[in-house]
Amino acid sequence: MIFHIPKEIASENKLWRSIFIKDFCIIISILIFTWITSASINSSYIVLYYVFMLSIAIILVQKNQKNNPNKRLYESIIILYKKSNRTYHSIDYNVITEEYKD
């Protein structure tokens, strides 16, 4: 008996072509927040406020390929703010001396 072992077990569920369920829920949550806070916006700027918040929501759910592969931009921002500034990493002395030998 031969068993097929999947290579990836942590795949995300898609809602449409390139929209994942998690991304869709985050965009809907931001739009609900926008709807709740729209009472504090001047009535002539409501449409602009909705367009701005929708664009921010779409930007936040895009994948950040350069710095954190397979992470979305909002996840990268969370990592940035949760990072401890009190953690120190040792720097290799040999690397430093080779940089200053020039």
C-alpha atoms as a PDB file:
ATOM      1  CA  MET A   1       0.000   0.000   0.000  1.00  0.00           C
ATOM      2  CA  ILE A   2       1.433   3.381  -1.035  1.00  0.00           C
ATOM      3  CA  PHE A   3       0.519   6.515   0.850  1.00  0.00           C
ATOM      4  CA  HIS A   4       0.677   9.956  -0.678  1.00  0.00           C
ATOM      5  CA  ILE A   5       2.405  12.353   1.728  1.00  0.00           C
ATOM      6  CA  PRO A   6       1.447  15.993   1.132  1.00  0.00           C
ATOM      7  CA  LYS A   7       4.346  18.418   0.819  1.00  0.00           C
ATOM      8  CA  GLU A   8       2.457  21.333   2.315  1.00  0.00           C
ATOM      9  CA  ILE A   9       0.046  20.989   5.207  1.00  0.00           C
ATOM     10  CA  ALA A  10      -0.357  24.648   6.094  1.00  0.00           C
ATOM     11  CA  SER A  11      -1.999  25.913   2.927  1.00  0.00           C
ATOM     12  CA  GLU A  12      -4.395  28.830   3.059  1.00  0.00           C
ATOM     13  CA  ASN A  13      -7.985  28.584   1.896  1.00  0.00           C
ATOM     14  CA  LYS A  14      -8.870  30.685  -1.125  1.00  0.00           C
ATOM     15  CA  LEU A  15     -12.150  32.474  -1.513  1.00  0.00           C
ATOM     16  CA  TRP A  16     -11.625  33.558  -5.132  1.00  0.00           C
ATOM     17  CA  ARG A  17      -8.624  33.539  -7.482  1.00  0.00           C
ATOM     18  CA  SER A  18      -6.099  35.412  -5.381  1.00  0.00           C
ATOM     19  CA  ILE A  19      -8.202  36.402  -2.376  1.00  0.00           C
ATOM     20  CA  PHE A  20      -7.807  34.266   0.701  1.00  0.00           C
ATOM     21  CA  ILE A  21     -10.480  33.900   3.378  1.00  0.00           C
ATOM     22  CA  LYS A  22      -8.232  35.472   6.028  1.00  0.00           C
ATOM     23  CA  ASP A  23      -7.540  38.494   3.794  1.00  0.00           C
ATOM     24  CA  PHE A  24     -11.220  38.902   3.000  1.00  0.00           C
ATOM     25  CA  CYS A  25     -12.136  38.843   6.704  1.00  0.00           C
ATOM     26  CA  ILE A  26      -9.489  41.484   7.474  1.00  0.00           C
ATOM     27  CA  ILE A  27     -10.711  43.742   4.652  1.00  0.00           C
ATOM     28  CA  ILE A  28     -14.324  43.361   5.837  1.00  0.00           C
ATOM     29  CA  SER A  29     -13.244  44.132   9.425  1.00  0.00           C
ATOM     30  CA  ILE A  30     -11.488  47.311   8.317  1.00  0.00           C
ATOM     31  CA  LEU A  31     -14.537  48.358   6.318  1.00  0.00           C
ATOM     32  CA  ILE A  32     -16.787  47.758   9.350  1.00  0.00           C
ATOM     33  CA  PHE A  33     -14.401  49.902  11.410  1.00  0.00           C
ATOM     34  CA  THR A  34     -14.611  52.531   8.654  1.00  0.00           C
ATOM     35  CA  TRP A  35     -18.400  52.419   8.723  1.00  0.00           C
ATOM     36  CA  ILE A  36     -18.448  52.829  12.521  1.00  0.00           C
ATOM     37  CA  THR A  37     -16.001  55.744  12.498  1.00  0.00           C
ATOM     38  CA  SER A  38     -17.489  57.471   9.462  1.00  0.00           C
ATOM     39  CA  ALA A  39     -19.835  59.438  11.734  1.00  0.00           C
ATOM     40  CA  SER A  40     -16.867  61.511  12.871  1.00  0.00           C
ATOM     41  CA  ILE A  41     -15.883  62.438   9.290  1.00  0.00           C
ATOM     42  CA  ASN A  42     -17.203  65.460   7.455  1.00  0.00           C
ATOM     43  CA  SER A  43     -20.033  64.406   5.113  1.00  0.00           C
ATOM     44  CA  SER A  44     -18.284  65.802   2.042  1.00  0.00           C
ATOM     45  CA  TYR A  45     -15.295  63.471   2.657  1.00  0.00           C
ATOM     46  CA  ILE A  46     -17.151  60.208   3.358  1.00  0.00           C
ATOM     47  CA  VAL A  47     -16.558  58.677  -0.084  1.00  0.00           C
ATOM     48  CA  LEU A  48     -12.901  59.688  -0.020  1.00  0.00           C
ATOM     49  CA  TYR A  49     -12.592  58.185   3.473  1.00  0.00           C
ATOM     50  CA  TYR A  50     -14.047  54.852   2.308  1.00  0.00           C
ATOM     51  CA  VAL A  51     -11.741  54.752  -0.738  1.00  0.00           C
ATOM     52  CA  PHE A  52      -8.721  55.580   1.417  1.00  0.00           C
ATOM     53  CA  MET A  53      -9.517  52.944   4.028  1.00  0.00           C
ATOM     54  CA  LEU A  54     -10.217  50.312   1.372  1.00  0.00           C
ATOM     55  CA  SER A  55      -6.867  51.033  -0.276  1.00  0.00           C
ATOM     56  CA  ILE A  56      -5.120  50.822   3.104  1.00  0.00           C
ATOM     57  CA  ALA A  57      -6.835  47.467   3.757  1.00  0.00           C
ATOM     58  CA  ILE A  58      -5.719  46.093   0.394  1.00  0.00           C
ATOM     59  CA  ILE A  59      -2.146  47.292   0.951  1.00  0.00           C
ATOM     60  CA  LEU A  60      -2.021  45.706   4.413  1.00  0.00           C
ATOM     61  CA  VAL A  61      -3.042  42.239   3.172  1.00  0.00           C
ATOM     62  CA  GLN A  62      -0.486  42.106   0.351  1.00  0.00           C
ATOM     63  CA  LYS A  63       2.405  39.717   0.823  1.00  0.00           C
ATOM     64  CA  ASN A  64       5.715  41.279   1.746  1.00  0.00           C
ATOM     65  CA  GLN A  65       8.176  39.317  -0.417  1.00  0.00           C
ATOM     66  CA  LYS A  66      11.332  41.315   0.197  1.00  0.00           C
ATOM     67  CA  ASN A  67      11.783  41.502   3.957  1.00  0.00           C
ATOM     68  CA  ASN A  68       9.554  38.754   5.343  1.00  0.00           C
ATOM     69  CA  PRO A  69       8.682  36.117   2.758  1.00  0.00           C
ATOM     70  CA  ASN A  70       5.241  34.525   3.114  1.00  0.00           C
ATOM     71  CA  LYS A  71       4.159  37.220   5.582  1.00  0.00           C
ATOM     72  CA  ARG A  72       1.641  39.906   4.896  1.00  0.00           C
ATOM     73  CA  LEU A  73       2.422  43.553   5.485  1.00  0.00           C
ATOM     74  CA  TYR A  74       0.241  43.791   8.601  1.00  0.00           C
ATOM     75  CA  GLU A  75       2.058  40.737  10.022  1.00  0.00           C
ATOM     76  CA  SER A  76       5.400  42.425   9.356  1.00  0.00           C
ATOM     77  CA  ILE A  77       4.185  45.532  11.187  1.00  0.00           C
ATOM     78  CA  ILE A  78       3.070  43.403  14.150  1.00  0.00           C
ATOM     79  CA  ILE A  79       6.477  41.693  14.226  1.00  0.00           C
ATOM     80  CA  LEU A  80       8.160  45.108  14.171  1.00  0.00           C
ATOM     81  CA  TYR A  81       6.193  46.388  17.163  1.00  0.00           C
ATOM     82  CA  LYS A  82       6.454  43.145  19.154  1.00  0.00           C
ATOM     83  CA  LYS A  83      10.230  42.994  18.694  1.00  0.00           C
ATOM     84  CA  SER A  84      12.096  43.527  21.911  1.00  0.00           C
ATOM     85  CA  ASN A  85      14.633  46.347  21.831  1.00  0.00           C
ATOM     86  CA  ARG A  86      16.300  44.923  24.921  1.00  0.00           C
ATOM     87  CA  THR A  87      17.553  41.836  23.073  1.00  0.00           C
ATOM     88  CA  TYR A  88      21.166  42.103  22.057  1.00  0.00           C
ATOM     89  CA  HIS A  89      22.968  39.908  19.564  1.00  0.00           C
ATOM     90  CA  SER A  90      26.714  39.506  19.627  1.00  0.00           C
ATOM     91  CA  ILE A  91      28.618  40.727  16.610  1.00  0.00           C
ATOM     92  CA  ASP A  92      31.509  38.651  15.328  1.00  0.00           C
ATOM     93  CA  TYR A  93      34.728  40.537  16.081  1.00  0.00           C
ATOM     94  CA  ASN A  94      36.500  39.121  13.014  1.00  0.00           C
ATOM     95  CA  VAL A  95      33.872  40.509  10.678  1.00  0.00           C
ATOM     96  CA  ILE A  96      34.203  43.975  12.175  1.00  0.00           C
ATOM     97  CA  THR A  97      38.001  44.025  11.936  1.00  0.00           C
ATOM     98  CA  GLU A  98      37.898  42.909   8.288  1.00  0.00           C
ATOM     99  CA  GLU A  99      35.587  45.814   7.426  1.00  0.00           C
ATOM    100  CA  TYR A 100      37.975  48.384   8.919  1.00  0.00           C
ATOM    101  CA  LYS A 101      41.197  46.940   7.453  1.00  0.00           C
ATOM    102  CA  ASP A 102      40.613  48.787   4.199  1.00  0.00           C
END
